Structures are given as C-alpha cells and as structure tokens.
PDB file of N, CA and C in Angstrom:
ATOM      1  N   UNK A   1    -147.481 137.410-108.272  1.00  0.00           N
ATOM      2  CA  UNK A   1    -147.047 138.087-107.147  1.00  0.00           C
ATOM      3  C   UNK A   1    -147.386 137.694-105.797  1.00  0.00           C
ATOM      4  N   UNK A   2    -148.657 137.209-105.744  1.00  0.00           N
ATOM      5  CA  UNK A   2    -149.253 136.853-104.502  1.00  0.00           C
ATOM      6  C   UNK A   2    -148.688 135.514-104.319  1.00  0.00           C
ATOM      7  N   UNK A   3    -148.380 134.733-105.244  1.00  0.00           N
ATOM      8  CA  UNK A   3    -147.736 133.395-105.028  1.00  0.00           C
ATOM      9  C   UNK A   3    -146.377 133.499-104.433  1.00  0.00           C
ATOM     10  N   UNK A   4    -145.542 134.490-104.730  1.00  0.00           N
ATOM     11  CA  UNK A   4    -144.023 134.748-104.238  1.00  0.00           C
ATOM     12  C   UNK A   4    -144.331 135.023-102.638  1.00  0.00           C
ATOM     13  N   UNK A   5    -145.314 136.010-102.489  1.00  0.00           N
ATOM     14  CA  UNK A   5    -145.292 136.387-101.064  1.00  0.00           C
ATOM     15  C   UNK A   5    -145.824 135.370-100.214  1.00  0.00           C
ATOM     16  N   UNK A   6    -146.647 134.381-100.583  1.00  0.00           N
ATOM     17  CA  UNK A   6    -147.272 133.183 -99.968  1.00  0.00           C
ATOM     18  C   UNK A   6    -146.037 132.368 -99.666  1.00  0.00           C
ATOM     19  N   UNK A   7    -145.142 132.092-100.732  1.00  0.00           N
ATOM     20  CA  UNK A   7    -144.026 131.150-100.444  1.00  0.00           C
ATOM     21  C   UNK A   7    -143.136 131.686 -99.414  1.00  0.00           C
ATOM     22  N   UNK A   8    -142.732 133.087 -99.559  1.00  0.00           N
ATOM     23  CA  UNK A   8    -141.835 133.663 -98.575  1.00  0.00           C
ATOM     24  C   UNK A   8    -142.451 133.572 -97.281  1.00  0.00           C
ATOM     25  N   UNK A   9    -143.773 133.831 -97.094  1.00  0.00           N
ATOM     26  CA  UNK A   9    -144.431 133.933 -95.763  1.00  0.00           C
ATOM     27  C   UNK A   9    -144.479 132.631 -95.215  1.00  0.00           C
ATOM     28  N   UNK A  10    -144.783 131.398 -95.944  1.00  0.00           N
ATOM     29  CA  UNK A  10    -144.788 130.109 -95.544  1.00  0.00           C
ATOM     30  C   UNK A  10    -143.288 129.768 -95.147  1.00  0.00           C
ATOM     31  N   UNK A  11    -142.289 130.106 -95.883  1.00  0.00           N
ATOM     32  CA  UNK A  11    -140.983 129.668 -95.609  1.00  0.00           C
ATOM     33  C   UNK A  11    -140.571 130.280 -94.292  1.00  0.00           C
ATOM     34  N   UNK A  12    -140.823 131.650 -94.034  1.00  0.00           N
ATOM     35  CA  UNK A  12    -140.545 132.330 -92.802  1.00  0.00           C
ATOM     36  C   UNK A  12    -141.234 131.797 -91.736  1.00  0.00           C
ATOM     37  N   UNK A  13    -142.463 131.245 -91.851  1.00  0.00           N
ATOM     38  CA  UNK A  13    -143.187 130.606 -90.807  1.00  0.00           C
ATOM     39  C   UNK A  13    -142.658 129.265 -90.380  1.00  0.00           C
ATOM     40  N   UNK A  14    -142.206 128.469 -91.347  1.00  0.00           N
ATOM     41  CA  UNK A  14    -141.760 127.294 -91.017  1.00  0.00           C
ATOM     42  C   UNK A  14    -140.192 127.626 -90.269  1.00  0.00           C
ATOM     43  N   UNK A  15    -139.525 128.448 -90.835  1.00  0.00           N
ATOM     44  CA  UNK A  15    -138.126 128.800 -90.185  1.00  0.00           C
ATOM     45  C   UNK A  15    -138.254 129.164 -88.664  1.00  0.00           C
ATOM     46  N   UNK A  16    -139.256 129.975 -88.523  1.00  0.00           N
ATOM     47  CA  UNK A  16    -139.486 130.387 -87.032  1.00  0.00           C
ATOM     48  C   UNK A  16    -139.984 129.202 -86.173  1.00  0.00           C
ATOM     49  N   UNK A  17    -140.874 128.483 -86.778  1.00  0.00           N
ATOM     50  CA  UNK A  17    -141.339 127.437 -86.047  1.00  0.00           C
ATOM     51  C   UNK A  17    -140.235 126.253 -85.516  1.00  0.00           C
ATOM     52  N   UNK A  18    -139.350 126.084 -86.517  1.00  0.00           N
ATOM     53  CA  UNK A  18    -138.173 125.140 -86.355  1.00  0.00           C
ATOM     54  C   UNK A  18    -137.169 125.791 -85.308  1.00  0.00           C
ATOM     55  N   UNK A  19    -137.045 127.261 -85.482  1.00  0.00           N
ATOM     56  CA  UNK A  19    -135.991 127.808 -84.433  1.00  0.00           C
ATOM     57  C   UNK A  19    -136.701 127.831 -83.128  1.00  0.00           C
ATOM     58  N   UNK A  20    -138.080 127.849 -82.893  1.00  0.00           N
ATOM     59  CA  UNK A  20    -138.582 127.853 -81.613  1.00  0.00           C
ATOM     60  C   UNK A  20    -138.337 126.570 -80.947  1.00  0.00           C
ATOM     61  N   UNK A  21    -138.205 125.482 -81.738  1.00  0.00           N
ATOM     62  CA  UNK A  21    -138.200 124.123 -80.955  1.00  0.00           C
ATOM     63  C   UNK A  21    -136.774 123.805 -80.723  1.00  0.00           C
ATOM     64  N   UNK A  22    -135.764 124.465 -81.205  1.00  0.00           N
ATOM     65  CA  UNK A  22    -134.327 124.308 -81.085  1.00  0.00           C
ATOM     66  C   UNK A  22    -134.043 124.648 -79.651  1.00  0.00           C
ATOM     67  N   UNK A  23    -133.243 123.947 -78.961  1.00  0.00           N
ATOM     68  CA  UNK A  23    -132.726 124.169 -77.567  1.00  0.00           C
ATOM     69  C   UNK A  23    -131.228 124.655 -77.711  1.00  0.00           C
ATOM     70  N   UNK A  24    -131.102 125.627 -76.781  1.00  0.00           N
ATOM     71  CA  UNK A  24    -129.523 125.938 -76.744  1.00  0.00           C
ATOM     72  C   UNK A  24    -128.637 124.857 -76.308  1.00  0.00           C
ATOM     73  N   UNK A  25    -127.357 124.763 -76.743  1.00  0.00           N
ATOM     74  CA  UNK A  25    -126.551 123.970 -76.500  1.00  0.00           C
ATOM     75  C   UNK A  25    -125.942 124.151 -74.948  1.00  0.00           C
ATOM     76  N   UNK A  26    -125.918 123.201 -74.044  1.00  0.00           N
ATOM     77  CA  UNK A  26    -125.505 123.413 -72.663  1.00  0.00           C
ATOM     78  C   UNK A  26    -124.082 123.708 -72.676  1.00  0.00           C
ATOM     79  N   UNK A  27    -123.707 124.520 -71.604  1.00  0.00           N
ATOM     80  CA  UNK A  27    -122.302 125.105 -71.653  1.00  0.00           C
ATOM     81  C   UNK A  27    -121.219 124.109 -71.478  1.00  0.00           C
ATOM     82  N   UNK A  28    -121.564 122.913 -70.924  1.00  0.00           N
ATOM     83  CA  UNK A  28    -120.469 121.860 -70.627  1.00  0.00           C
ATOM     84  C   UNK A  28    -120.281 121.127 -72.042  1.00  0.00           C
ATOM     85  N   UNK A  29    -121.150 121.308 -72.970  1.00  0.00           N
ATOM     86  CA  UNK A  29    -120.989 120.709 -74.201  1.00  0.00           C
ATOM     87  C   UNK A  29    -120.591 121.603 -75.328  1.00  0.00           C
ATOM     88  N   UNK A  30    -120.231 122.629 -75.079  1.00  0.00           N
ATOM     89  CA  UNK A  30    -119.807 123.630 -76.202  1.00  0.00           C
ATOM     90  C   UNK A  30    -118.525 123.517 -76.872  1.00  0.00           C
ATOM     91  N   UNK A  31    -117.803 122.296 -76.495  1.00  0.00           N
ATOM     92  CA  UNK A  31    -116.698 121.838 -77.409  1.00  0.00           C
ATOM     93  C   UNK A  31    -115.413 122.258 -76.686  1.00  0.00           C
ATOM     94  N   UNK A  32    -115.363 123.110 -75.821  1.00  0.00           N
ATOM     95  CA  UNK A  32    -114.229 123.570 -75.244  1.00  0.00           C
ATOM     96  C   UNK A  32    -113.998 122.846 -73.865  1.00  0.00           C
ATOM     97  N   UNK A  33    -112.905 122.367 -73.643  1.00  0.00           N
ATOM     98  CA  UNK A  33    -112.495 121.839 -72.252  1.00  0.00           C
ATOM     99  C   UNK A  33    -111.708 122.627 -71.506  1.00  0.00           C
ATOM    100  N   UNK A  34    -112.214 122.743 -70.228  1.00  0.00           N
ATOM    101  CA  UNK A  34    -111.471 123.682 -69.282  1.00  0.00           C
ATOM    102  C   UNK A  34    -110.362 122.776 -68.577  1.00  0.00           C
ATOM    103  N   UNK A  35    -109.227 123.374 -68.672  1.00  0.00           N
ATOM    104  CA  UNK A  35    -108.151 122.595 -67.922  1.00  0.00           C
ATOM    105  C   UNK A  35    -107.791 123.576 -66.769  1.00  0.00           C
ATOM    106  N   UNK A  36    -107.673 122.840 -65.463  1.00  0.00           N
ATOM    107  CA  UNK A  36    -107.284 123.584 -64.388  1.00  0.00           C
ATOM    108  C   UNK A  36    -105.777 123.345 -64.089  1.00  0.00           C
ATOM    109  N   UNK A  37    -105.055 124.356 -64.140  1.00  0.00           N
ATOM    110  CA  UNK A  37    -103.577 124.034 -63.907  1.00  0.00           C
ATOM    111  C   UNK A  37    -103.220 124.385 -62.395  1.00  0.00           C
ATOM    112  N   UNK A  38    -102.486 123.450 -61.921  1.00  0.00           N
ATOM    113  CA  UNK A  38    -101.846 123.764 -60.451  1.00  0.00           C
ATOM    114  C   UNK A  38    -100.333 123.602 -60.637  1.00  0.00           C
ATOM    115  N   UNK A  39     -99.685 124.301 -59.650  1.00  0.00           N
ATOM    116  CA  UNK A  39     -98.323 124.336 -59.527  1.00  0.00           C
ATOM    117  C   UNK A  39     -97.840 123.365 -58.621  1.00  0.00           C
ATOM    118  N   UNK A  40     -96.842 122.408 -59.078  1.00  0.00           N
ATOM    119  CA  UNK A  40     -96.090 121.506 -58.314  1.00  0.00           C
ATOM    120  C   UNK A  40     -95.326 122.241 -57.182  1.00  0.00           C
ATOM    121  N   UNK A  41     -95.328 121.690 -55.926  1.00  0.00           N
ATOM    122  CA  UNK A  41     -94.940 122.429 -54.778  1.00  0.00           C
ATOM    123  C   UNK A  41     -93.182 122.280 -54.772  1.00  0.00           C
ATOM    124  N   UNK A  42     -92.813 121.403 -55.652  1.00  0.00           N
ATOM    125  CA  UNK A  42     -91.365 121.169 -55.737  1.00  0.00           C
ATOM    126  C   UNK A  42     -90.690 121.741 -56.875  1.00  0.00           C
ATOM    127  N   UNK A  43     -91.106 121.434 -58.127  1.00  0.00           N
ATOM    128  CA  UNK A  43     -90.450 121.980 -59.391  1.00  0.00           C
ATOM    129  C   UNK A  43     -91.084 123.287 -59.742  1.00  0.00           C
ATOM    130  N   UNK A  44     -92.177 123.520 -59.257  1.00  0.00           N
ATOM    131  CA  UNK A  44     -92.840 124.801 -59.680  1.00  0.00           C
ATOM    132  C   UNK A  44     -93.455 124.815 -61.036  1.00  0.00           C
ATOM    133  N   UNK A  45     -93.556 123.722 -61.650  1.00  0.00           N
ATOM    134  CA  UNK A  45     -94.150 123.481 -62.916  1.00  0.00           C
ATOM    135  C   UNK A  45     -95.535 123.366 -63.129  1.00  0.00           C
ATOM    136  N   UNK A  46     -96.418 123.952 -63.912  1.00  0.00           N
ATOM    137  CA  UNK A  46     -97.678 123.843 -63.962  1.00  0.00           C
ATOM    138  C   UNK A  46     -98.140 122.471 -64.610  1.00  0.00           C
ATOM    139  N   UNK A  47     -99.169 121.745 -63.972  1.00  0.00           N
ATOM    140  CA  UNK A  47     -99.781 120.575 -64.459  1.00  0.00           C
ATOM    141  C   UNK A  47    -101.200 120.596 -64.311  1.00  0.00           C
ATOM    142  N   UNK A  48    -101.981 119.782 -65.082  1.00  0.00           N
ATOM    143  CA  UNK A  48    -103.251 119.612 -64.987  1.00  0.00           C
ATOM    144  C   UNK A  48    -103.745 118.981 -63.657  1.00  0.00           C
ATOM    145  N   UNK A  49    -104.734 119.583 -62.965  1.00  0.00           N
ATOM    146  CA  UNK A  49    -104.862 119.154 -61.574  1.00  0.00           C
ATOM    147  C   UNK A  49    -105.413 117.585 -61.423  1.00  0.00           C
ATOM    148  N   UNK A  50    -105.610 116.935 -62.587  1.00  0.00           N
ATOM    149  CA  UNK A  50    -106.273 115.556 -62.638  1.00  0.00           C
ATOM    150  C   UNK A  50    -105.086 114.751 -62.592  1.00  0.00           C
ATOM    151  N   UNK A  51    -103.714 115.132 -62.833  1.00  0.00           N
ATOM    152  CA  UNK A  51    -102.688 114.198 -63.062  1.00  0.00           C
ATOM    153  C   UNK A  51    -101.644 114.426 -61.901  1.00  0.00           C
ATOM    154  N   UNK A  52    -101.967 115.391 -60.978  1.00  0.00           N
ATOM    155  CA  UNK A  52    -100.876 115.517 -59.807  1.00  0.00           C
ATOM    156  C   UNK A  52    -101.591 114.784 -58.498  1.00  0.00           C
ATOM    157  N   UNK A  53    -100.532 114.630 -57.725  1.00  0.00           N
ATOM    158  CA  UNK A  53    -100.868 114.024 -56.182  1.00  0.00           C
ATOM    159  C   UNK A  53    -101.144 115.200 -55.341  1.00  0.00           C
ATOM    160  N   UNK A  54    -102.276 115.345 -54.639  1.00  0.00           N
ATOM    161  CA  UNK A  54    -102.595 116.477 -53.834  1.00  0.00           C
ATOM    162  C   UNK A  54    -102.526 116.028 -52.381  1.00  0.00           C
ATOM    163  N   UNK A  55    -101.901 116.588 -51.561  1.00  0.00           N
ATOM    164  CA  UNK A  55    -101.802 116.379 -50.113  1.00  0.00           C
ATOM    165  C   UNK A  55    -102.131 117.549 -49.296  1.00  0.00           C
ATOM    166  N   UNK A  56    -103.119 117.358 -48.272  1.00  0.00           N
ATOM    167  CA  UNK A  56    -103.499 118.327 -47.246  1.00  0.00           C
ATOM    168  C   UNK A  56    -102.431 118.188 -46.176  1.00  0.00           C
ATOM    169  N   UNK A  57    -101.727 119.268 -45.907  1.00  0.00           N
ATOM    170  CA  UNK A  57    -100.683 119.277 -44.890  1.00  0.00           C
ATOM    171  C   UNK A  57    -100.652 120.837 -44.270  1.00  0.00           C
ATOM    172  N   UNK A  58     -99.835 120.644 -43.137  1.00  0.00           N
ATOM    173  CA  UNK A  58     -99.566 121.904 -42.444  1.00  0.00           C
ATOM    174  C   UNK A  58    -100.571 122.221 -41.365  1.00  0.00           C
ATOM    175  N   UNK A  59    -100.375 123.339 -40.617  1.00  0.00           N
ATOM    176  CA  UNK A  59    -101.245 123.715 -39.634  1.00  0.00           C
ATOM    177  C   UNK A  59    -102.684 124.198 -40.103  1.00  0.00           C
ATOM    178  N   UNK A  60    -102.585 124.746 -41.418  1.00  0.00           N
ATOM    179  CA  UNK A  60    -103.884 125.418 -41.862  1.00  0.00           C
ATOM    180  C   UNK A  60    -104.228 124.420 -43.088  1.00  0.00           C
ATOM    181  N   UNK A  61    -103.958 123.228 -43.123  1.00  0.00           N
ATOM    182  CA  UNK A  61    -104.492 122.082 -44.089  1.00  0.00           C
ATOM    183  C   UNK A  61    -104.537 122.692 -45.441  1.00  0.00           C
ATOM    184  N   UNK A  62    -103.195 123.282 -45.831  1.00  0.00           N
ATOM    185  CA  UNK A  62    -103.186 123.819 -47.162  1.00  0.00           C
ATOM    186  C   UNK A  62    -102.912 122.563 -48.205  1.00  0.00           C
ATOM    187  N   UNK A  63    -103.402 122.772 -49.499  1.00  0.00           N
ATOM    188  CA  UNK A  63    -103.369 121.777 -50.406  1.00  0.00           C
ATOM    189  C   UNK A  63    -101.951 121.800 -51.135  1.00  0.00           C
ATOM    190  N   UNK A  64    -101.106 120.865 -51.013  1.00  0.00           N
ATOM    191  CA  UNK A  64     -99.888 120.756 -51.729  1.00  0.00           C
ATOM    192  C   UNK A  64     -99.956 119.781 -52.930  1.00  0.00           C
ATOM    193  N   UNK A  65     -99.445 120.228 -54.196  1.00  0.00           N
ATOM    194  CA  UNK A  65     -99.585 119.276 -55.358  1.00  0.00           C
ATOM    195  C   UNK A  65     -98.285 119.006 -55.585  1.00  0.00           C
ATOM    196  N   UNK A  66     -98.082 117.663 -56.077  1.00  0.00           N
ATOM    197  CA  UNK A  66     -96.921 116.989 -56.393  1.00  0.00           C
ATOM    198  C   UNK A  66     -96.802 116.373 -57.696  1.00  0.00           C
ATOM    199  N   UNK A  67     -96.103 116.638 -58.841  1.00  0.00           N
ATOM    200  CA  UNK A  67     -96.304 116.115 -60.075  1.00  0.00           C
ATOM    201  C   UNK A  67     -95.526 114.515 -59.972  1.00  0.00           C
ATOM    202  N   UNK A  68     -95.849 113.943 -61.007  1.00  0.00           N
ATOM    203  CA  UNK A  68     -95.503 112.501 -60.966  1.00  0.00           C
ATOM    204  C   UNK A  68     -93.848 112.144 -60.926  1.00  0.00           C
ATOM    205  N   UNK A  69     -93.267 113.108 -61.672  1.00  0.00           N
ATOM    206  CA  UNK A  69     -91.660 113.019 -61.552  1.00  0.00           C
ATOM    207  C   UNK A  69     -91.211 113.369 -60.157  1.00  0.00           C
ATOM    208  N   UNK A  70     -91.680 114.336 -59.432  1.00  0.00           N
ATOM    209  CA  UNK A  70     -91.187 114.674 -58.108  1.00  0.00           C
ATOM    210  C   UNK A  70     -91.472 113.637 -57.109  1.00  0.00           C
ATOM    211  N   UNK A  71     -92.576 112.995 -57.252  1.00  0.00           N
ATOM    212  CA  UNK A  71     -93.042 112.091 -56.496  1.00  0.00           C
ATOM    213  C   UNK A  71     -92.268 110.791 -56.516  1.00  0.00           C
ATOM    214  N   UNK A  72     -91.812 110.457 -57.842  1.00  0.00           N
ATOM    215  CA  UNK A  72     -91.143 109.334 -58.057  1.00  0.00           C
ATOM    216  C   UNK A  72     -89.552 109.464 -57.430  1.00  0.00           C
ATOM    217  N   UNK A  73     -89.233 110.727 -57.685  1.00  0.00           N
ATOM    218  CA  UNK A  73     -87.939 111.132 -57.177  1.00  0.00           C
ATOM    219  C   UNK A  73     -87.832 110.953 -55.769  1.00  0.00           C
ATOM    220  N   UNK A  74     -88.875 111.316 -55.105  1.00  0.00           N
ATOM    221  CA  UNK A  74     -88.969 111.317 -53.518  1.00  0.00           C
ATOM    222  C   UNK A  74     -88.928 109.829 -53.083  1.00  0.00           C
ATOM    223  N   UNK A  75     -89.679 109.071 -53.892  1.00  0.00           N
ATOM    224  CA  UNK A  75     -89.877 107.822 -53.538  1.00  0.00           C
ATOM    225  C   UNK A  75     -88.605 107.057 -53.621  1.00  0.00           C
ATOM    226  N   UNK A  76     -87.718 107.331 -54.794  1.00  0.00           N
ATOM    227  CA  UNK A  76     -86.392 106.647 -54.980  1.00  0.00           C
ATOM    228  C   UNK A  76     -85.446 107.188 -53.785  1.00  0.00           C
ATOM    229  N   UNK A  77     -85.414 108.326 -53.459  1.00  0.00           N
ATOM    230  CA  UNK A  77     -84.626 108.833 -52.316  1.00  0.00           C
ATOM    231  C   UNK A  77     -85.042 108.094 -51.067  1.00  0.00           C
ATOM    232  N   UNK A  78     -86.200 107.843 -50.859  1.00  0.00           N
ATOM    233  CA  UNK A  78     -86.797 107.182 -49.695  1.00  0.00           C
ATOM    234  C   UNK A  78     -86.155 105.913 -49.551  1.00  0.00           C
ATOM    235  N   UNK A  79     -86.394 105.149 -50.686  1.00  0.00           N
ATOM    236  CA  UNK A  79     -85.963 103.625 -50.752  1.00  0.00           C
ATOM    237  C   UNK A  79     -84.414 103.652 -50.630  1.00  0.00           C
ATOM    238  N   UNK A  80     -83.724 104.550 -51.233  1.00  0.00           N
ATOM    239  CA  UNK A  80     -82.177 104.397 -50.929  1.00  0.00           C
ATOM    240  C   UNK A  80     -81.791 104.652 -49.649  1.00  0.00           C
ATOM    241  N   UNK A  81     -82.438 105.693 -48.944  1.00  0.00           N
ATOM    242  CA  UNK A  81     -82.105 105.892 -47.438  1.00  0.00           C
ATOM    243  C   UNK A  81     -82.414 104.765 -46.530  1.00  0.00           C
ATOM    244  N   UNK A  82     -83.589 104.040 -47.004  1.00  0.00           N
ATOM    245  CA  UNK A  82     -84.067 102.912 -46.258  1.00  0.00           C
ATOM    246  C   UNK A  82     -83.191 101.767 -46.306  1.00  0.00           C
ATOM    247  N   UNK A  83     -82.662 101.580 -47.385  1.00  0.00           N
ATOM    248  CA  UNK A  83     -81.836 100.455 -47.641  1.00  0.00           C
ATOM    249  C   UNK A  83     -80.352 100.812 -46.868  1.00  0.00           C
ATOM    250  N   UNK A  84     -79.882 102.056 -46.891  1.00  0.00           N
ATOM    251  CA  UNK A  84     -78.766 102.372 -46.185  1.00  0.00           C
ATOM    252  C   UNK A  84     -78.813 102.186 -44.630  1.00  0.00           C
ATOM    253  N   UNK A  85     -80.165 102.459 -43.988  1.00  0.00           N
ATOM    254  CA  UNK A  85     -80.419 102.256 -42.690  1.00  0.00           C
ATOM    255  C   UNK A  85     -80.445 100.970 -42.505  1.00  0.00           C
ATOM    256  N   UNK A  86     -80.922 100.033 -43.180  1.00  0.00           N
ATOM    257  CA  UNK A  86     -81.116  98.591 -42.951  1.00  0.00           C
ATOM    258  C   UNK A  86     -79.691  98.084 -43.204  1.00  0.00           C
ATOM    259  N   UNK A  87     -78.700  98.564 -44.031  1.00  0.00           N
ATOM    260  CA  UNK A  87     -77.505  97.949 -44.123  1.00  0.00           C
ATOM    261  C   UNK A  87     -76.596  98.297 -43.000  1.00  0.00           C
ATOM    262  N   UNK A  88     -76.968  99.508 -42.244  1.00  0.00           N
ATOM    263  CA  UNK A  88     -76.205 100.023 -41.160  1.00  0.00           C
ATOM    264  C   UNK A  88     -76.482  99.316 -40.002  1.00  0.00           C
ATOM    265  N   UNK A  89     -77.666  98.624 -39.714  1.00  0.00           N
ATOM    266  CA  UNK A  89     -77.953  98.091 -38.505  1.00  0.00           C
ATOM    267  C   UNK A  89     -77.592  96.592 -38.412  1.00  0.00           C
TER     268      UNK A  89
END
C-alpha cells in the first residue's frame, strides 16, 4: 500500500515539476492569423490590407485603399486618354 502512494506521489511531483518548467505559448504563435480587411474606395469590396494600394489624400490626409483590379482599370483608362491626347496634337 505504501508503495502505491509512493509511486503516485513521485508521479505527481514529476508532473508538477515538468509543468512548472513549461512556458505559455506567445499570442502571436497561437496558430491563428489575424487578417485586417479594408474596403476599396472604388468597388467597396473588402480586401486584406497587405494586398491593396493605400494613398493618403485630401485635406485631412485620409487613407484611401485601392484594390488591384481598380488600380489596373484606372491605369488602362489613363493610358487610353493619353494616347488620344497625343493623337489629337
């Protein structure tokens, strides 16, 4: 009977010693990735803020976010208007 209590006591002692050496997992490594969504100023769809073009504009220096497809569309329109202006001159 004394042997069983000794084994249980030693096991609990080892368990608590090992538990005291363990460190908590930092929050940034908890396995969850936080995604910050922002709204495109043109199409109003939500995108991850790491993949949009952000521009500070206006009298209050507000941040405006532009998705890739809207940025490409603006660039294409700009190129077409530029070609028309050059052709007219």
